[in-house]
């Protein structure tokens, strides 16, 4: 389960960075923050 959450976090952060490049600032920030919460540091949120 941790591996799946880590992959999801990477996808969210990459999508957030791409959104920032497309000048969608708010959406990009939201995706990056959610990705960081889901990622390795935030796995405990779902356990």
PDB file of N, CA and C in Angstrom:
ATOM      1  N   UNK A   1       0.825  -1.199   0.000  1.00  0.00           N
ATOM      2  CA  UNK A   1       0.000   0.000   0.000  1.00  0.00           C
ATOM      3  C   UNK A   1       0.868   1.260   0.000  1.00  0.00           C
ATOM      4  N   UNK A   2       1.969   1.230   0.748  1.00  0.00           N
ATOM      5  CA  UNK A   2       2.846   2.398   0.788  1.00  0.00           C
ATOM      6  C   UNK A   2       3.399   2.710  -0.593  1.00  0.00           C
ATOM      7  N   UNK A   3       3.742   1.671  -1.339  1.00  0.00           N
ATOM      8  CA  UNK A   3       4.301   1.872  -2.672  1.00  0.00           C
ATOM      9  C   UNK A   3       3.285   2.545  -3.593  1.00  0.00           C
ATOM     10  N   UNK A   4       2.028   2.116  -3.498  1.00  0.00           N
ATOM     11  CA  UNK A   4       0.968   2.697  -4.332  1.00  0.00           C
ATOM     12  C   UNK A   4       0.782   4.172  -3.979  1.00  0.00           C
ATOM     13  N   UNK A   5       0.791   4.505  -2.687  1.00  0.00           N
ATOM     14  CA  UNK A   5       0.658   5.897  -2.267  1.00  0.00           C
ATOM     15  C   UNK A   5       1.849   6.723  -2.727  1.00  0.00           C
ATOM     16  N   UNK A   6       3.044   6.130  -2.708  1.00  0.00           N
ATOM     17  CA  UNK A   6       4.232   6.850  -3.146  1.00  0.00           C
ATOM     18  C   UNK A   6       4.146   7.166  -4.636  1.00  0.00           C
ATOM     19  N   UNK A   7       3.700   6.187  -5.441  1.00  0.00           N
ATOM     20  CA  UNK A   7       3.538   6.404  -6.884  1.00  0.00           C
ATOM     21  C   UNK A   7       2.479   7.480  -7.130  1.00  0.00           C
ATOM     22  N   UNK A   8       1.374   7.435  -6.396  1.00  0.00           N
ATOM     23  CA  UNK A   8       0.323   8.440  -6.523  1.00  0.00           C
ATOM     24  C   UNK A   8       0.861   9.830  -6.187  1.00  0.00           C
ATOM     25  N   UNK A   9       1.688   9.913  -5.148  1.00  0.00           N
ATOM     26  CA  UNK A   9       2.272  11.195  -4.752  1.00  0.00           C
ATOM     27  C   UNK A   9       3.167  11.742  -5.854  1.00  0.00           C
ATOM     28  N   UNK A  10       3.965  10.887  -6.463  1.00  0.00           N
ATOM     29  CA  UNK A  10       4.845  11.333  -7.547  1.00  0.00           C
ATOM     30  C   UNK A  10       4.017  11.857  -8.716  1.00  0.00           C
ATOM     31  N   UNK A  11       2.957  11.149  -9.061  1.00  0.00           N
ATOM     32  CA  UNK A  11       2.097  11.577 -10.166  1.00  0.00           C
ATOM     33  C   UNK A  11       1.462  12.929  -9.859  1.00  0.00           C
ATOM     34  N   UNK A  12       0.992  13.112  -8.617  1.00  0.00           N
ATOM     35  CA  UNK A  12       0.361  14.379  -8.236  1.00  0.00           C
ATOM     36  C   UNK A  12       1.347  15.537  -8.290  1.00  0.00           C
ATOM     37  N   UNK A  13       2.555  15.317  -7.803  1.00  0.00           N
ATOM     38  CA  UNK A  13       3.552  16.396  -7.795  1.00  0.00           C
ATOM     39  C   UNK A  13       3.961  16.746  -9.232  1.00  0.00           C
ATOM     40  N   UNK A  14       4.159  15.744 -10.071  1.00  0.00           N
ATOM     41  CA  UNK A  14       4.514  16.014 -11.463  1.00  0.00           C
ATOM     42  C   UNK A  14       3.377  16.762 -12.165  1.00  0.00           C
ATOM     43  N   UNK A  15       2.141  16.345 -11.923  1.00  0.00           N
ATOM     44  CA  UNK A  15       0.997  17.040 -12.522  1.00  0.00           C
ATOM     45  C   UNK A  15       0.918  18.480 -12.017  1.00  0.00           C
ATOM     46  N   UNK A  16       1.242  18.690 -10.743  1.00  0.00           N
ATOM     47  CA  UNK A  16       1.251  20.046 -10.192  1.00  0.00           C
ATOM     48  C   UNK A  16       2.307  20.918 -10.837  1.00  0.00           C
ATOM     49  N   UNK A  17       3.481  20.359 -11.056  1.00  0.00           N
ATOM     50  CA  UNK A  17       4.556  21.121 -11.705  1.00  0.00           C
ATOM     51  C   UNK A  17       4.166  21.462 -13.147  1.00  0.00           C
ATOM     52  N   UNK A  18       3.567  20.510 -13.844  1.00  0.00           N
ATOM     53  CA  UNK A  18       3.119  20.779 -15.212  1.00  0.00           C
ATOM     54  C   UNK A  18       2.031  21.842 -15.231  1.00  0.00           C
ATOM     55  N   UNK A  19       1.144  21.830 -14.245  1.00  0.00           N
ATOM     56  CA  UNK A  19       0.102  22.852 -14.164  1.00  0.00           C
ATOM     57  C   UNK A  19       0.718  24.232 -13.935  1.00  0.00           C
ATOM     58  N   UNK A  20       1.775  24.287 -13.133  1.00  0.00           N
ATOM     59  CA  UNK A  20       2.460  25.566 -12.924  1.00  0.00           C
ATOM     60  C   UNK A  20       3.049  26.083 -14.229  1.00  0.00           C
ATOM     61  N   UNK A  21       3.610  25.195 -15.040  1.00  0.00           N
ATOM     62  CA  UNK A  21       4.166  25.605 -16.325  1.00  0.00           C
ATOM     63  C   UNK A  21       3.084  26.086 -17.284  1.00  0.00           C
ATOM     64  N   UNK A  22       1.846  25.568 -17.113  1.00  0.00           N
ATOM     65  CA  UNK A  22       0.738  26.016 -17.965  1.00  0.00           C
ATOM     66  C   UNK A  22       0.047  27.243 -17.376  1.00  0.00           C
ATOM     67  N   UNK A  23       0.660  27.847 -16.357  1.00  0.00           N
ATOM     68  CA  UNK A  23       0.163  29.063 -15.701  1.00  0.00           C
ATOM     69  C   UNK A  23      -1.142  28.846 -14.957  1.00  0.00           C
ATOM     70  N   UNK A  24      -1.367  27.618 -14.487  1.00  0.00           N
ATOM     71  CA  UNK A  24      -2.515  27.331 -13.632  1.00  0.00           C
ATOM     72  C   UNK A  24      -1.995  27.251 -12.203  1.00  0.00           C
ATOM     73  N   UNK A  25      -1.729  28.413 -11.638  1.00  0.00           N
ATOM     74  CA  UNK A  25      -0.992  28.512 -10.380  1.00  0.00           C
ATOM     75  C   UNK A  25      -1.716  27.816  -9.231  1.00  0.00           C
ATOM     76  N   UNK A  26      -2.980  28.132  -9.028  1.00  0.00           N
ATOM     77  CA  UNK A  26      -3.712  27.571  -7.889  1.00  0.00           C
ATOM     78  C   UNK A  26      -3.804  26.050  -7.984  1.00  0.00           C
ATOM     79  N   UNK A  27      -4.176  25.559  -9.161  1.00  0.00           N
ATOM     80  CA  UNK A  27      -4.312  24.109  -9.355  1.00  0.00           C
ATOM     81  C   UNK A  27      -2.974  23.407  -9.149  1.00  0.00           C
ATOM     82  N   UNK A  28      -1.891  24.015  -9.633  1.00  0.00           N
ATOM     83  CA  UNK A  28      -0.561  23.439  -9.468  1.00  0.00           C
ATOM     84  C   UNK A  28      -0.156  23.349  -8.014  1.00  0.00           C
ATOM     85  N   UNK A  29      -0.406  24.412  -7.258  1.00  0.00           N
ATOM     86  CA  UNK A  29      -0.057  24.413  -5.828  1.00  0.00           C
ATOM     87  C   UNK A  29      -0.866  23.365  -5.082  1.00  0.00           C
ATOM     88  N   UNK A  30      -2.156  23.273  -5.399  1.00  0.00           N
ATOM     89  CA  UNK A  30      -3.010  22.278  -4.729  1.00  0.00           C
ATOM     90  C   UNK A  30      -2.506  20.867  -5.002  1.00  0.00           C
ATOM     91  N   UNK A  31      -2.174  20.577  -6.250  1.00  0.00           N
ATOM     92  CA  UNK A  31      -1.692  19.233  -6.597  1.00  0.00           C
ATOM     93  C   UNK A  31      -0.378  18.911  -5.889  1.00  0.00           C
ATOM     94  N   UNK A  32       0.527  19.879  -5.831  1.00  0.00           N
ATOM     95  CA  UNK A  32       1.817  19.642  -5.180  1.00  0.00           C
ATOM     96  C   UNK A  32       1.622  19.411  -3.686  1.00  0.00           C
ATOM     97  N   UNK A  33       0.784  20.214  -3.034  1.00  0.00           N
ATOM     98  CA  UNK A  33       0.553  20.051  -1.600  1.00  0.00           C
ATOM     99  C   UNK A  33      -0.098  18.703  -1.312  1.00  0.00           C
ATOM    100  N   UNK A  34      -1.100  18.320  -2.098  1.00  0.00           N
ATOM    101  CA  UNK A  34      -1.754  17.023  -1.895  1.00  0.00           C
ATOM    102  C   UNK A  34      -0.761  15.889  -2.132  1.00  0.00           C
ATOM    103  N   UNK A  35       0.092  16.042  -3.144  1.00  0.00           N
ATOM    104  CA  UNK A  35       1.108  15.025  -3.406  1.00  0.00           C
ATOM    105  C   UNK A  35       2.081  14.878  -2.252  1.00  0.00           C
ATOM    106  N   UNK A  36       2.457  15.990  -1.646  1.00  0.00           N
ATOM    107  CA  UNK A  36       3.369  15.919  -0.504  1.00  0.00           C
ATOM    108  C   UNK A  36       2.689  15.310   0.721  1.00  0.00           C
ATOM    109  N   UNK A  37       1.388  15.559   0.891  1.00  0.00           N
ATOM    110  CA  UNK A  37       0.670  14.958   2.016  1.00  0.00           C
ATOM    111  C   UNK A  37       0.507  13.453   1.837  1.00  0.00           C
ATOM    112  N   UNK A  38       0.308  13.008   0.612  1.00  0.00           N
ATOM    113  CA  UNK A  38       0.110  11.580   0.330  1.00  0.00           C
ATOM    114  C   UNK A  38       1.447  10.840   0.332  1.00  0.00           C
ATOM    115  N   UNK A  39       2.517  11.538  -0.008  1.00  0.00           N
ATOM    116  CA  UNK A  39       3.826  10.925  -0.191  1.00  0.00           C
ATOM    117  C   UNK A  39       4.413  10.281   1.036  1.00  0.00           C
ATOM    118  N   UNK A  40       5.660   9.910   0.966  1.00  0.00           N
ATOM    119  CA  UNK A  40       6.320   9.151   2.035  1.00  0.00           C
ATOM    120  C   UNK A  40       6.203   9.807   3.413  1.00  0.00           C
ATOM    121  N   UNK A  41       6.242  11.109   3.479  1.00  0.00           N
ATOM    122  CA  UNK A  41       6.093  11.790   4.764  1.00  0.00           C
ATOM    123  C   UNK A  41       4.668  11.787   5.258  1.00  0.00           C
ATOM    124  N   UNK A  42       3.709  11.602   4.360  1.00  0.00           N
ATOM    125  CA  UNK A  42       2.297  11.681   4.738  1.00  0.00           C
ATOM    126  C   UNK A  42       1.579  10.352   4.731  1.00  0.00           C
ATOM    127  N   UNK A  43       2.323   9.265   4.587  1.00  0.00           N
ATOM    128  CA  UNK A  43       1.687   7.943   4.544  1.00  0.00           C
ATOM    129  C   UNK A  43       0.915   7.682   5.821  1.00  0.00           C
ATOM    130  N   UNK A  44       1.389   8.219   6.937  1.00  0.00           N
ATOM    131  CA  UNK A  44       0.714   7.969   8.208  1.00  0.00           C
ATOM    132  C   UNK A  44      -0.675   8.571   8.260  1.00  0.00           C
ATOM    133  N   UNK A  45      -0.976   9.530   7.389  1.00  0.00           N
ATOM    134  CA  UNK A  45      -2.313  10.119   7.354  1.00  0.00           C
ATOM    135  C   UNK A  45      -3.347   9.059   7.013  1.00  0.00           C
ATOM    136  N   UNK A  46      -2.987   8.098   6.162  1.00  0.00           N
ATOM    137  CA  UNK A  46      -3.935   7.084   5.699  1.00  0.00           C
ATOM    138  C   UNK A  46      -3.843   5.788   6.487  1.00  0.00           C
ATOM    139  N   UNK A  47      -2.967   5.700   7.442  1.00  0.00           N
ATOM    140  CA  UNK A  47      -2.828   4.460   8.236  1.00  0.00           C
ATOM    141  C   UNK A  47      -3.491   4.593   9.581  1.00  0.00           C
TER     142      UNK A  47
END
